[in-house]
Amino acid sequence: MTLIGKAFVFGVLTIGLAFPLGAQIMRPLVSRPLPDPKPHVPEDEACLPWALDQIRGATVSVLRLQVPDQARSDFEKGCQDFRKKRFADAEEHVRHAIDSYSNYVAAWVILGQVLAAQQQNDKAHEACSRANVTDPTYLPPYVCLAELDAHSGKWSEILDVTKAALLKNPFCDVYTYFYRAMAYLNLNQLSEAEKSARQAEEIDIEHREAGIHFLLAEIYESKGDLAAAVGEIQQFLKVNQDKQQMIEAKQYLAKLENQRPDN
C-alpha cells in the first residue's frame, strides 16, 4: 500500500483513525446555498465532516424536509458531542434522532462517523449504507462509504460506490474523484488515477484541498516522473497548514529529491 494508503483519508475529524493523507485536510465546513425553505437543513449538513460547497449534488429531498423538531433537536445535541469527541454521548443522541425519524439520512451518516470514531467500522458501514438506501440522491453517504472502504483498503469497492455516485450526479464532488484516484493508485491503474486526481483538482477551484497534491505526488512517483512528484509536494507544502502533515510531506520531499538522477 502506498503512503497515501497508510497515513490519512479525506473527510474524517481528527479522531485518531489511521486513514490516508487527504482526510483531515479536505474539511472546511462551508455550506453552499441550497433551495430549501427550512434553514435547519443546511445546519444538518454543517455537522458533516465534509465541505458541502464541494458536494455539488447535495440537493434537498422531501425526506430531508420532513424531519420532526424533536429528531432535529437530538441530532444537534449529537452533533455538538461529535465535534467535542464525546462519541458515546453523540451516539446516544443521534440514535434518539433516528428513533424519532428513521429516514433522517444526515443522522444515519453522522452515526456512521461516530461509530467509525469508536472503531466499529462494520456498524459504521451499515449506518452509511442505510442512509444511501433511504435517499440515493443524497451524496454524503457515498463519501462516507468510500472513506470507510479506504480505511479498510477495499479499493474495488471504492470504485463501485463512487461510480454509483457519479451515476446520480455526473458532475459530483471533489471527494468522489479523490477516492477514485486513491483506489486506482492502489490498484496500480496509474493513468486512471492521474485522471481522477486531476478531475478533483479542477473542482477544487479555490485550491483548498492540499491532499490532492500529495496524492498526485504519489501517482507521479509510481509513474517514475519524479520531477512532477516533487512539484506536487512543493504545492502541497504551500497550501497545507497541518504541522504534522508538513513534517511528513517534507520527509517525503527529501526522499523524492534523493531519488532524482541529478542528485
C-alpha atoms as a PDB file:
ATOM      1  CA  MET A   1       0.000   0.000   0.000  1.00  0.00           C
ATOM      2  CA  THR A   2       1.252   3.487  -0.775  1.00  0.00           C
ATOM      3  CA  LEU A   3       1.881   6.201   1.808  1.00  0.00           C
ATOM      4  CA  ILE A   4      -1.475   7.721   0.930  1.00  0.00           C
ATOM      5  CA  GLY A   5      -2.964   4.354   1.860  1.00  0.00           C
ATOM      6  CA  LYS A   6      -1.280   4.325   5.258  1.00  0.00           C
ATOM      7  CA  ALA A   7      -1.470   7.746   6.772  1.00  0.00           C
ATOM      8  CA  PHE A   8      -4.646   9.798   6.373  1.00  0.00           C
ATOM      9  CA  VAL A   9      -8.078   9.923   4.490  1.00  0.00           C
ATOM     10  CA  PHE A  10     -10.434  12.752   3.495  1.00  0.00           C
ATOM     11  CA  GLY A  11     -13.330  13.886   5.488  1.00  0.00           C
ATOM     12  CA  VAL A  12     -12.900  12.400   8.929  1.00  0.00           C
ATOM     13  CA  LEU A  13     -12.463  14.525  12.016  1.00  0.00           C
ATOM     14  CA  THR A  14      -9.082  14.211  13.700  1.00  0.00           C
ATOM     15  CA  ILE A  15     -10.116  11.266  15.830  1.00  0.00           C
ATOM     16  CA  GLY A  16      -7.071   9.052  15.591  1.00  0.00           C
ATOM     17  CA  LEU A  17      -8.196   6.905  12.691  1.00  0.00           C
ATOM     18  CA  ALA A  18      -5.365   5.557  10.569  1.00  0.00           C
ATOM     19  CA  PHE A  19      -6.633   6.982   7.288  1.00  0.00           C
ATOM     20  CA  PRO A  20      -4.738   8.219   4.155  1.00  0.00           C
ATOM     21  CA  LEU A  21      -3.371  11.773   3.863  1.00  0.00           C
ATOM     22  CA  GLY A  22      -6.174  13.802   2.329  1.00  0.00           C
ATOM     23  CA  ALA A  23      -8.705  13.136   5.033  1.00  0.00           C
ATOM     24  CA  GLN A  24      -8.093  15.717   7.675  1.00  0.00           C
ATOM     25  CA  ILE A  25      -7.267  18.362   5.062  1.00  0.00           C
ATOM     26  CA  MET A  26     -10.434  18.431   2.985  1.00  0.00           C
ATOM     27  CA  ARG A  27     -12.734  19.627   5.689  1.00  0.00           C
ATOM     28  CA  PRO A  28     -13.687  23.316   5.514  1.00  0.00           C
ATOM     29  CA  LEU A  29     -17.304  23.329   6.684  1.00  0.00           C
ATOM     30  CA  VAL A  30     -18.702  25.939   4.321  1.00  0.00           C
ATOM     31  CA  SER A  31     -22.279  25.301   3.298  1.00  0.00           C
ATOM     32  CA  ARG A  32     -23.382  26.287  -0.172  1.00  0.00           C
ATOM     33  CA  PRO A  33     -26.827  27.926  -0.575  1.00  0.00           C
ATOM     34  CA  LEU A  34     -29.483  25.261  -1.050  1.00  0.00           C
ATOM     35  CA  PRO A  35     -33.009  25.647  -2.475  1.00  0.00           C
ATOM     36  CA  ASP A  36     -34.604  24.853   0.861  1.00  0.00           C
ATOM     37  CA  PRO A  37     -37.271  26.804   2.752  1.00  0.00           C
ATOM     38  CA  LYS A  38     -36.236  25.252   6.084  1.00  0.00           C
ATOM     39  CA  PRO A  39     -32.994  26.796   7.372  1.00  0.00           C
ATOM     40  CA  HIS A  40     -32.222  23.818   9.614  1.00  0.00           C
ATOM     41  CA  VAL A  41     -31.298  21.552   6.694  1.00  0.00           C
ATOM     42  CA  PRO A  42     -28.030  23.362   5.892  1.00  0.00           C
ATOM     43  CA  GLU A  43     -27.279  23.236   9.636  1.00  0.00           C
ATOM     44  CA  ASP A  44     -27.595  19.457   9.464  1.00  0.00           C
ATOM     45  CA  GLU A  45     -25.083  19.469   6.633  1.00  0.00           C
ATOM     46  CA  ALA A  46     -22.667  21.660   8.604  1.00  0.00           C
ATOM     47  CA  CYS A  47     -22.304  18.816  11.106  1.00  0.00           C
ATOM     48  CA  LEU A  48     -20.976  16.514   8.403  1.00  0.00           C
ATOM     49  CA  PRO A  49     -17.165  16.423   8.173  1.00  0.00           C
ATOM     50  CA  TRP A  50     -17.023  17.496   4.529  1.00  0.00           C
ATOM     51  CA  ALA A  51     -17.214  20.846   2.739  1.00  0.00           C
ATOM     52  CA  LEU A  52     -20.719  20.996   1.312  1.00  0.00           C
ATOM     53  CA  ASP A  53     -19.900  23.557  -1.333  1.00  0.00           C
ATOM     54  CA  GLN A  54     -17.617  20.858  -2.735  1.00  0.00           C
ATOM     55  CA  ILE A  55     -20.501  18.345  -2.813  1.00  0.00           C
ATOM     56  CA  ARG A  56     -22.318  19.921  -5.709  1.00  0.00           C
ATOM     57  CA  GLY A  57     -25.133  17.386  -5.816  1.00  0.00           C
ATOM     58  CA  ALA A  58     -26.302  17.883  -2.230  1.00  0.00           C
ATOM     59  CA  THR A  59     -29.872  18.850  -3.165  1.00  0.00           C
ATOM     60  CA  VAL A  60     -32.682  18.646  -0.645  1.00  0.00           C
ATOM     61  CA  SER A  61     -35.139  15.750  -0.954  1.00  0.00           C
ATOM     62  CA  VAL A  62     -38.647  15.601   0.503  1.00  0.00           C
ATOM     63  CA  LEU A  63     -37.403  13.150   3.153  1.00  0.00           C
ATOM     64  CA  ARG A  64     -34.963  15.723   4.458  1.00  0.00           C
ATOM     65  CA  LEU A  65     -37.660  18.386   4.663  1.00  0.00           C
ATOM     66  CA  GLN A  66     -39.846  16.190   6.872  1.00  0.00           C
ATOM     67  CA  VAL A  67     -37.509  15.877   9.866  1.00  0.00           C
ATOM     68  CA  PRO A  68     -39.507  16.438  13.092  1.00  0.00           C
ATOM     69  CA  ASP A  69     -38.334  19.103  15.537  1.00  0.00           C
ATOM     70  CA  GLN A  70     -37.545  16.570  18.290  1.00  0.00           C
ATOM     71  CA  ALA A  71     -35.408  14.492  15.940  1.00  0.00           C
ATOM     72  CA  ARG A  72     -33.549  17.583  14.830  1.00  0.00           C
ATOM     73  CA  SER A  73     -33.005  18.664  18.436  1.00  0.00           C
ATOM     74  CA  ASP A  74     -31.455  15.285  19.278  1.00  0.00           C
ATOM     75  CA  PHE A  75     -29.364  15.445  16.104  1.00  0.00           C
ATOM     76  CA  GLU A  76     -27.987  18.857  17.045  1.00  0.00           C
ATOM     77  CA  LYS A  77     -27.037  17.582  20.509  1.00  0.00           C
ATOM     78  CA  GLY A  78     -25.297  14.628  18.900  1.00  0.00           C
ATOM     79  CA  CYS A  79     -23.537  16.943  16.503  1.00  0.00           C
ATOM     80  CA  GLN A  80     -22.158  19.034  19.364  1.00  0.00           C
ATOM     81  CA  ASP A  81     -20.938  15.913  21.150  1.00  0.00           C
ATOM     82  CA  PHE A  82     -19.368  14.607  17.934  1.00  0.00           C
ATOM     83  CA  ARG A  83     -17.373  17.808  17.468  1.00  0.00           C
ATOM     84  CA  LYS A  84     -16.190  17.592  21.083  1.00  0.00           C
ATOM     85  CA  LYS A  85     -15.218  13.928  20.565  1.00  0.00           C
ATOM     86  CA  ARG A  86     -17.721  12.727  23.146  1.00  0.00           C
ATOM     87  CA  PHE A  87     -18.591   9.814  20.936  1.00  0.00           C
ATOM     88  CA  ALA A  88     -20.687   7.723  23.334  1.00  0.00           C
ATOM     89  CA  ASP A  89     -22.920  10.729  24.066  1.00  0.00           C
ATOM     90  CA  ALA A  90     -23.051  11.584  20.362  1.00  0.00           C
ATOM     91  CA  GLU A  91     -24.152   8.060  19.504  1.00  0.00           C
ATOM     92  CA  GLU A  92     -26.921   8.153  22.117  1.00  0.00           C
ATOM     93  CA  HIS A  93     -28.336  11.454  20.847  1.00  0.00           C
ATOM     94  CA  VAL A  94     -28.083  10.534  17.169  1.00  0.00           C
ATOM     95  CA  ARG A  95     -29.796   7.201  17.788  1.00  0.00           C
ATOM     96  CA  HIS A  96     -32.607   9.069  19.555  1.00  0.00           C
ATOM     97  CA  ALA A  97     -32.933  11.273  16.461  1.00  0.00           C
ATOM     98  CA  ILE A  98     -33.165   8.184  14.253  1.00  0.00           C
ATOM     99  CA  ASP A  99     -35.707   6.596  16.611  1.00  0.00           C
ATOM    100  CA  SER A 100     -37.858   9.705  16.156  1.00  0.00           C
ATOM    101  CA  TYR A 101     -37.431   9.725  12.372  1.00  0.00           C
ATOM    102  CA  SER A 102     -35.993   6.631  10.752  1.00  0.00           C
ATOM    103  CA  ASN A 103     -35.484   8.371   7.383  1.00  0.00           C
ATOM    104  CA  TYR A 104     -33.161  11.022   8.866  1.00  0.00           C
ATOM    105  CA  VAL A 105     -30.340  10.482   6.363  1.00  0.00           C
ATOM    106  CA  ALA A 106     -27.950  13.079   7.823  1.00  0.00           C
ATOM    107  CA  ALA A 107     -28.326  11.389  11.215  1.00  0.00           C
ATOM    108  CA  TRP A 108     -27.503   7.995   9.705  1.00  0.00           C
ATOM    109  CA  VAL A 109     -24.342   9.459   8.151  1.00  0.00           C
ATOM    110  CA  ILE A 110     -23.272  11.075  11.420  1.00  0.00           C
ATOM    111  CA  LEU A 111     -23.959   7.799  13.196  1.00  0.00           C
ATOM    112  CA  GLY A 112     -21.590   6.174  10.721  1.00  0.00           C
ATOM    113  CA  GLN A 113     -18.918   8.723  11.547  1.00  0.00           C
ATOM    114  CA  VAL A 114     -19.456   8.308  15.298  1.00  0.00           C
ATOM    115  CA  LEU A 115     -19.214   4.524  15.056  1.00  0.00           C
ATOM    116  CA  ALA A 116     -16.067   4.787  12.928  1.00  0.00           C
ATOM    117  CA  ALA A 117     -14.550   7.024  15.601  1.00  0.00           C
ATOM    118  CA  GLN A 118     -15.190   4.181  18.050  1.00  0.00           C
ATOM    119  CA  GLN A 119     -13.509   1.685  15.710  1.00  0.00           C
ATOM    120  CA  GLN A 120     -16.823  -0.016  14.880  1.00  0.00           C
ATOM    121  CA  ASN A 121     -16.257   0.051  11.159  1.00  0.00           C
ATOM    122  CA  ASP A 122     -18.736  -2.663  10.169  1.00  0.00           C
ATOM    123  CA  LYS A 123     -21.546  -0.912  12.024  1.00  0.00           C
ATOM    124  CA  ALA A 124     -20.405   2.418  10.590  1.00  0.00           C
ATOM    125  CA  HIS A 125     -20.654   0.952   7.097  1.00  0.00           C
ATOM    126  CA  GLU A 126     -24.161  -0.317   7.861  1.00  0.00           C
ATOM    127  CA  ALA A 127     -25.247   3.151   9.033  1.00  0.00           C
ATOM    128  CA  CYS A 128     -23.958   4.916   5.935  1.00  0.00           C
ATOM    129  CA  SER A 129     -25.434   2.193   3.741  1.00  0.00           C
ATOM    130  CA  ARG A 130     -28.814   2.765   5.404  1.00  0.00           C
ATOM    131  CA  ALA A 131     -28.581   6.473   4.533  1.00  0.00           C
ATOM    132  CA  ASN A 132     -27.665   5.581   0.973  1.00  0.00           C
ATOM    133  CA  VAL A 133     -30.601   3.206   0.538  1.00  0.00           C
ATOM    134  CA  THR A 134     -33.024   5.653   2.161  1.00  0.00           C
ATOM    135  CA  ASP A 135     -32.125   8.532  -0.162  1.00  0.00           C
ATOM    136  CA  PRO A 136     -29.903   7.540  -3.132  1.00  0.00           C
ATOM    137  CA  THR A 137     -29.832  11.166  -4.338  1.00  0.00           C
ATOM    138  CA  TYR A 138     -28.005  12.290  -1.177  1.00  0.00           C
ATOM    139  CA  LEU A 139     -24.251  12.329  -1.819  1.00  0.00           C
ATOM    140  CA  PRO A 140     -22.721  12.317   1.711  1.00  0.00           C
ATOM    141  CA  PRO A 141     -23.436   8.590   2.260  1.00  0.00           C
ATOM    142  CA  TYR A 142     -21.400   7.771  -0.844  1.00  0.00           C
ATOM    143  CA  VAL A 143     -18.481   9.778   0.545  1.00  0.00           C
ATOM    144  CA  CYS A 144     -18.891   8.093   3.930  1.00  0.00           C
ATOM    145  CA  LEU A 145     -18.817   4.634   2.342  1.00  0.00           C
ATOM    146  CA  ALA A 146     -15.798   5.453   0.183  1.00  0.00           C
ATOM    147  CA  GLU A 147     -13.976   6.788   3.222  1.00  0.00           C
ATOM    148  CA  LEU A 148     -14.672   3.648   5.235  1.00  0.00           C
ATOM    149  CA  ASP A 149     -13.622   1.435   2.333  1.00  0.00           C
ATOM    150  CA  ALA A 150     -10.367   3.398   2.042  1.00  0.00           C
ATOM    151  CA  HIS A 151      -9.709   2.763   5.726  1.00  0.00           C
ATOM    152  CA  SER A 152     -10.172  -0.962   5.048  1.00  0.00           C
ATOM    153  CA  GLY A 153      -8.178  -0.951   1.809  1.00  0.00           C
ATOM    154  CA  LYS A 154     -11.220  -2.049  -0.223  1.00  0.00           C
ATOM    155  CA  TRP A 155     -10.173  -0.364  -3.447  1.00  0.00           C
ATOM    156  CA  SER A 156     -12.552  -2.148  -5.823  1.00  0.00           C
ATOM    157  CA  GLU A 157     -15.460  -1.338  -3.528  1.00  0.00           C
ATOM    158  CA  ILE A 158     -14.467   2.338  -3.648  1.00  0.00           C
ATOM    159  CA  LEU A 159     -14.685   2.274  -7.424  1.00  0.00           C
ATOM    160  CA  ASP A 160     -18.152   0.717  -7.187  1.00  0.00           C
ATOM    161  CA  VAL A 161     -19.566   3.224  -4.704  1.00  0.00           C
ATOM    162  CA  THR A 162     -18.057   6.249  -6.431  1.00  0.00           C
ATOM    163  CA  LYS A 163     -19.345   5.007  -9.789  1.00  0.00           C
ATOM    164  CA  ALA A 164     -22.823   4.870  -8.254  1.00  0.00           C
ATOM    165  CA  ALA A 165     -22.381   8.435  -7.004  1.00  0.00           C
ATOM    166  CA  LEU A 166     -21.346   9.595 -10.470  1.00  0.00           C
ATOM    167  CA  LEU A 167     -24.411   7.950 -11.998  1.00  0.00           C
ATOM    168  CA  LYS A 168     -26.592  10.012  -9.643  1.00  0.00           C
ATOM    169  CA  ASN A 169     -24.682  13.194 -10.382  1.00  0.00           C
ATOM    170  CA  PRO A 170     -22.157  13.156 -13.263  1.00  0.00           C
ATOM    171  CA  PHE A 171     -20.568  16.387 -12.023  1.00  0.00           C
ATOM    172  CA  CYS A 172     -20.351  15.025  -8.480  1.00  0.00           C
ATOM    173  CA  ASP A 173     -17.791  16.314  -5.988  1.00  0.00           C
ATOM    174  CA  VAL A 174     -14.105  16.550  -5.245  1.00  0.00           C
ATOM    175  CA  TYR A 175     -14.272  13.693  -2.725  1.00  0.00           C
ATOM    176  CA  THR A 176     -15.664  11.208  -5.238  1.00  0.00           C
ATOM    177  CA  TYR A 177     -12.814  11.819  -7.658  1.00  0.00           C
ATOM    178  CA  PHE A 178     -10.198  11.856  -4.895  1.00  0.00           C
ATOM    179  CA  TYR A 179     -11.237   8.438  -3.645  1.00  0.00           C
ATOM    180  CA  ARG A 180     -11.390   7.083  -7.173  1.00  0.00           C
ATOM    181  CA  ALA A 181      -7.843   8.319  -7.715  1.00  0.00           C
ATOM    182  CA  MET A 182      -6.708   6.716  -4.458  1.00  0.00           C
ATOM    183  CA  ALA A 183      -8.322   3.413  -5.420  1.00  0.00           C
ATOM    184  CA  TYR A 184      -6.832   3.416  -8.912  1.00  0.00           C
ATOM    185  CA  LEU A 185      -3.389   4.196  -7.475  1.00  0.00           C
ATOM    186  CA  ASN A 186      -3.556   1.272  -5.086  1.00  0.00           C
ATOM    187  CA  LEU A 187      -4.787  -0.960  -7.921  1.00  0.00           C
ATOM    188  CA  ASN A 188      -1.801   0.250  -9.991  1.00  0.00           C
ATOM    189  CA  GLN A 189      -4.032   1.772 -12.674  1.00  0.00           C
ATOM    190  CA  LEU A 190      -1.928   4.900 -12.817  1.00  0.00           C
ATOM    191  CA  SER A 191      -3.396   6.664 -15.844  1.00  0.00           C
ATOM    192  CA  GLU A 192      -6.889   6.420 -14.367  1.00  0.00           C
ATOM    193  CA  ALA A 193      -5.522   7.519 -11.000  1.00  0.00           C
ATOM    194  CA  GLU A 194      -3.995  10.644 -12.520  1.00  0.00           C
ATOM    195  CA  LYS A 195      -7.167  11.402 -14.481  1.00  0.00           C
ATOM    196  CA  SER A 196      -9.386  11.199 -11.397  1.00  0.00           C
ATOM    197  CA  ALA A 197      -6.984  13.242  -9.282  1.00  0.00           C
ATOM    198  CA  ARG A 198      -6.893  15.956 -11.936  1.00  0.00           C
ATOM    199  CA  GLN A 199     -10.697  15.973 -12.029  1.00  0.00           C
ATOM    200  CA  ALA A 200     -10.698  16.523  -8.268  1.00  0.00           C
ATOM    201  CA  GLU A 201      -8.197  19.329  -8.708  1.00  0.00           C
ATOM    202  CA  GLU A 202     -10.367  21.002 -11.358  1.00  0.00           C
ATOM    203  CA  ILE A 203     -13.354  21.012  -8.996  1.00  0.00           C
ATOM    204  CA  ASP A 204     -11.234  22.470  -6.198  1.00  0.00           C
ATOM    205  CA  ILE A 205     -11.216  25.906  -7.803  1.00  0.00           C
ATOM    206  CA  GLU A 206     -10.316  27.646  -4.546  1.00  0.00           C
ATOM    207  CA  HIS A 207      -7.238  25.440  -4.069  1.00  0.00           C
ATOM    208  CA  ARG A 208      -8.176  24.487  -0.525  1.00  0.00           C
ATOM    209  CA  GLU A 209      -7.647  20.748  -0.706  1.00  0.00           C
ATOM    210  CA  ALA A 210      -3.959  20.068  -0.237  1.00  0.00           C
ATOM    211  CA  GLY A 211      -4.408  16.298  -0.121  1.00  0.00           C
ATOM    212  CA  ILE A 212      -4.964  16.214  -3.866  1.00  0.00           C
ATOM    213  CA  HIS A 213      -1.378  17.349  -4.416  1.00  0.00           C
ATOM    214  CA  PHE A 214       0.026  14.714  -2.077  1.00  0.00           C
ATOM    215  CA  LEU A 215      -1.942  12.052  -3.882  1.00  0.00           C
ATOM    216  CA  LEU A 216      -0.758  13.340  -7.256  1.00  0.00           C
ATOM    217  CA  ALA A 217       2.820  13.222  -5.987  1.00  0.00           C
ATOM    218  CA  GLU A 218       2.433   9.537  -5.178  1.00  0.00           C
ATOM    219  CA  ILE A 219       0.856   8.875  -8.551  1.00  0.00           C
ATOM    220  CA  TYR A 220       3.743  10.573 -10.363  1.00  0.00           C
ATOM    221  CA  GLU A 221       6.309   8.776  -8.232  1.00  0.00           C
ATOM    222  CA  SER A 222       4.671   5.477  -9.173  1.00  0.00           C
ATOM    223  CA  LYS A 223       4.832   6.514 -12.831  1.00  0.00           C
ATOM    224  CA  GLY A 224       8.527   7.339 -12.466  1.00  0.00           C
ATOM    225  CA  ASP A 225       8.046  11.079 -13.017  1.00  0.00           C
ATOM    226  CA  LEU A 226       9.984  12.321 -10.002  1.00  0.00           C
ATOM    227  CA  ALA A 227      10.117  15.929 -11.180  1.00  0.00           C
ATOM    228  CA  ALA A 228       6.320  16.093 -11.326  1.00  0.00           C
ATOM    229  CA  ALA A 229       6.078  14.364  -7.937  1.00  0.00           C
ATOM    230  CA  VAL A 230       8.417  16.927  -6.393  1.00  0.00           C
ATOM    231  CA  GLY A 231       6.352  19.736  -7.898  1.00  0.00           C
ATOM    232  CA  GLU A 232       3.153  18.382  -6.368  1.00  0.00           C
ATOM    233  CA  ILE A 233       4.681  18.016  -2.905  1.00  0.00           C
ATOM    234  CA  GLN A 234       6.011  21.557  -3.153  1.00  0.00           C
ATOM    235  CA  GLN A 235       2.476  22.722  -3.990  1.00  0.00           C
ATOM    236  CA  PHE A 236       1.153  20.699  -1.055  1.00  0.00           C
ATOM    237  CA  LEU A 237       3.570  22.492   1.270  1.00  0.00           C
ATOM    238  CA  LYS A 238       2.321  25.857   0.012  1.00  0.00           C
ATOM    239  CA  VAL A 239      -1.326  25.239   0.853  1.00  0.00           C
ATOM    240  CA  ASN A 240      -1.307  22.760   3.760  1.00  0.00           C
ATOM    241  CA  GLN A 241      -1.496  24.124   7.295  1.00  0.00           C
ATOM    242  CA  ASP A 242      -1.267  20.994   9.431  1.00  0.00           C
ATOM    243  CA  LYS A 243       2.111  20.884  11.214  1.00  0.00           C
ATOM    244  CA  GLN A 244       2.392  17.107  11.450  1.00  0.00           C
ATOM    245  CA  GLN A 245       1.478  16.662   7.811  1.00  0.00           C
ATOM    246  CA  MET A 246       4.016  19.332   6.889  1.00  0.00           C
ATOM    247  CA  ILE A 247       6.717  17.311   8.643  1.00  0.00           C
ATOM    248  CA  GLU A 248       5.744  14.121   6.818  1.00  0.00           C
ATOM    249  CA  ALA A 249       5.497  15.941   3.489  1.00  0.00           C
ATOM    250  CA  LYS A 250       8.985  17.406   3.924  1.00  0.00           C
ATOM    251  CA  GLN A 251      10.334  13.947   4.666  1.00  0.00           C
ATOM    252  CA  TYR A 252       8.624  12.627   1.547  1.00  0.00           C
ATOM    253  CA  LEU A 253      10.023  15.527  -0.488  1.00  0.00           C
ATOM    254  CA  ALA A 254      13.547  14.742   0.714  1.00  0.00           C
ATOM    255  CA  LYS A 255      13.057  11.109  -0.280  1.00  0.00           C
ATOM    256  CA  LEU A 256      11.881  12.131  -3.767  1.00  0.00           C
ATOM    257  CA  GLU A 257      14.749  14.539  -4.277  1.00  0.00           C
ATOM    258  CA  ASN A 258      17.286  11.884  -3.244  1.00  0.00           C
ATOM    259  CA  GLN A 259      15.846   9.570  -5.912  1.00  0.00           C
ATOM    260  CA  ARG A 260      16.285  12.090  -8.725  1.00  0.00           C
ATOM    261  CA  PRO A 261      19.170  11.178 -11.075  1.00  0.00           C
ATOM    262  CA  ASP A 262      20.691  14.673 -10.869  1.00  0.00           C
ATOM    263  CA  ASN A 263      21.430  14.198  -7.147  1.00  0.00           C
END
